[in-house]
Amino acid sequence: MVHNDHLFKANIVQLILMKETDEALKALSQHYGIGVPHLRVGMPKRSAKKVGCYVSETKTIHVMNWEKIEDPFVILHEFYHHLRTQNRKHRGTEKHANRFAEEFIEAFQTFDKHYFNVSCKYKNSNDNMCSKP
């Protein structure tokens, strides 16, 4: 069962890296039994200096630019906020959102990079440097 969970998480990261973020969000939402969040490039005014945010009123993950759409850390971090928001009230912390994202990225790193056809080095500084072969 643990292997299947790691494979699921690794597949989600790969979808995001391959610019299939909408598909990743659909799979995550189905896995957790919640509605699919909207995804939008461009930040709300109150969050203009952030790289990403989740707005519960519109159930939307916002990212600052097109590059961040393929950044697993940002997408998964904000998805965690979507997952933990109930009745427009947030029930999670930034620390837990970071850990949620890191668990997916760590699962991806446990699989051979050739299995996913993507080379990815992830630094603990939340800096994701990935390239396709």
Protein backbone atom coordinates (compact mmCIF):
# COMPACT_ATOMS: atom_id res chain seq x y z
CA MET A 1 0.00 0.00 0.00
CA VAL A 2 2.85 2.39 0.83
CA HIS A 3 4.36 1.72 -2.60
CA ASN A 4 1.07 2.64 -4.30
CA ASP A 5 0.89 5.89 -2.30
CA HIS A 6 4.46 6.81 -3.32
CA LEU A 7 3.70 5.97 -6.94
CA PHE A 8 0.55 8.11 -6.86
CA LYS A 9 2.49 11.04 -5.39
CA ALA A 10 5.33 10.60 -7.88
CA ASN A 11 2.85 10.51 -10.78
CA ILE A 12 1.25 13.75 -9.57
CA VAL A 13 4.62 15.50 -9.54
CA GLN A 14 5.39 14.19 -12.99
CA LEU A 15 2.07 15.49 -14.35
CA ILE A 16 2.87 18.95 -12.99
CA LEU A 17 6.39 18.90 -14.42
CA MET A 18 5.02 17.85 -17.81
CA LYS A 19 2.67 20.88 -17.80
CA GLU A 20 -0.42 18.77 -17.16
CA THR A 21 -1.30 20.58 -13.96
CA ASP A 22 -5.05 20.49 -14.61
CA GLU A 23 -4.87 16.70 -14.85
CA ALA A 24 -2.83 16.58 -11.64
CA LEU A 25 -5.42 18.69 -9.82
CA LYS A 26 -8.22 16.44 -11.10
CA ALA A 27 -6.40 13.32 -9.92
CA LEU A 28 -5.63 14.87 -6.52
CA SER A 29 -9.23 15.98 -6.07
CA GLN A 30 -10.57 12.57 -7.00
CA HIS A 31 -8.05 10.89 -4.66
CA TYR A 32 -9.10 13.07 -1.72
CA GLY A 33 -12.81 13.14 -2.61
CA ILE A 34 -13.15 16.90 -3.04
CA GLY A 35 -14.02 19.30 -5.85
CA VAL A 36 -11.37 20.34 -8.35
CA PRO A 37 -9.99 23.83 -7.69
CA HIS A 38 -9.75 26.41 -10.44
CA LEU A 39 -6.26 27.37 -11.60
CA ARG A 40 -5.40 30.90 -12.64
CA VAL A 41 -2.23 32.74 -13.66
CA GLY A 42 -2.06 36.12 -11.95
CA MET A 43 -2.23 37.00 -8.30
CA PRO A 44 -5.02 38.78 -6.42
CA LYS A 45 -4.01 42.30 -5.36
CA ARG A 46 -3.68 41.40 -1.69
CA SER A 47 -1.18 38.64 -2.57
CA ALA A 48 0.67 40.32 -5.42
CA LYS A 49 4.15 39.64 -4.02
CA LYS A 50 3.62 35.90 -3.43
CA VAL A 51 4.38 33.13 -5.93
CA GLY A 52 1.07 31.42 -5.25
CA CYS A 53 -2.05 31.56 -3.12
CA TYR A 54 -5.40 29.87 -2.63
CA VAL A 55 -8.60 31.92 -2.51
CA SER A 56 -11.31 29.94 -0.75
CA GLU A 57 -14.17 32.20 -1.86
CA THR A 58 -13.59 31.26 -5.50
CA LYS A 59 -11.90 27.88 -4.86
CA THR A 60 -9.00 29.07 -7.01
CA ILE A 61 -5.28 28.42 -6.91
CA HIS A 62 -3.47 31.50 -8.20
CA VAL A 63 0.13 31.47 -9.41
CA MET A 64 2.24 34.50 -10.24
CA ASN A 65 3.25 33.41 -13.77
CA TRP A 66 3.17 30.53 -16.27
CA GLU A 67 6.43 29.07 -14.89
CA LYS A 68 4.80 28.42 -11.53
CA ILE A 69 2.09 26.28 -13.17
CA GLU A 70 4.73 23.59 -13.60
CA ASP A 71 6.28 24.04 -10.14
CA PRO A 72 5.20 21.03 -8.05
CA PHE A 73 6.00 22.71 -4.75
CA VAL A 74 3.79 25.73 -5.43
CA ILE A 75 0.89 23.74 -6.90
CA LEU A 76 0.90 21.09 -4.16
CA HIS A 77 1.34 23.66 -1.39
CA GLU A 78 -1.69 25.59 -2.62
CA PHE A 79 -3.68 22.41 -3.22
CA TYR A 80 -3.14 21.57 0.45
CA HIS A 81 -4.87 24.84 1.35
CA HIS A 82 -7.76 23.86 -0.95
CA LEU A 83 -7.89 20.43 0.72
CA ARG A 84 -7.88 21.90 4.23
CA THR A 85 -10.46 24.63 3.61
CA GLN A 86 -13.96 23.74 4.73
CA ASN A 87 -16.88 26.12 4.52
CA ARG A 88 -14.43 28.86 3.51
CA LYS A 89 -12.55 28.39 6.78
CA HIS A 90 -8.92 27.30 6.58
CA ARG A 91 -7.90 24.38 8.80
CA GLY A 92 -4.18 24.03 7.96
CA THR A 93 -0.86 25.77 8.45
CA GLU A 94 1.95 26.89 6.17
CA LYS A 95 4.24 24.32 7.79
CA HIS A 96 1.79 21.53 7.00
CA ALA A 97 1.28 22.81 3.44
CA ASN A 98 5.05 22.78 2.93
CA ARG A 99 5.32 19.24 4.29
CA PHE A 100 2.44 18.05 2.11
CA ALA A 101 4.23 19.33 -1.00
CA GLU A 102 7.59 17.95 0.12
CA GLU A 103 6.13 14.45 0.60
CA PHE A 104 5.04 14.36 -3.04
CA ILE A 105 8.39 15.63 -4.27
CA GLU A 106 10.28 13.14 -2.09
CA ALA A 107 8.16 10.31 -3.51
CA PHE A 108 9.03 11.48 -7.01
CA GLN A 109 12.72 11.50 -6.13
CA THR A 110 12.61 7.88 -4.92
CA PHE A 111 11.83 6.66 -8.43
CA ASP A 112 14.44 6.42 -11.13
CA LYS A 113 14.41 9.62 -13.17
CA HIS A 114 14.24 7.54 -16.37
CA TYR A 115 10.99 5.97 -15.21
CA PHE A 116 9.36 9.38 -15.51
CA ASN A 117 11.50 10.73 -18.39
CA VAL A 118 12.24 13.88 -16.36
CA SER A 119 15.38 15.02 -14.60
CA CYS A 120 14.67 16.93 -11.41
CA LYS A 121 16.83 18.29 -8.64
CA TYR A 122 14.92 19.64 -5.71
CA LYS A 123 16.65 21.80 -3.13
CA ASN A 124 15.22 22.18 0.34
CA SER A 125 15.09 25.95 -0.18
CA ASN A 126 11.80 25.51 -2.10
CA ASP A 127 13.75 26.08 -5.32
CA ASN A 128 12.69 23.61 -7.96
CA MET A 129 15.09 23.23 -10.89
CA CYS A 130 13.79 20.74 -13.44
CA SER A 131 14.41 20.05 -17.09
CA LYS A 132 13.22 17.56 -19.62
CA PRO A 133 15.93 15.38 -21.21
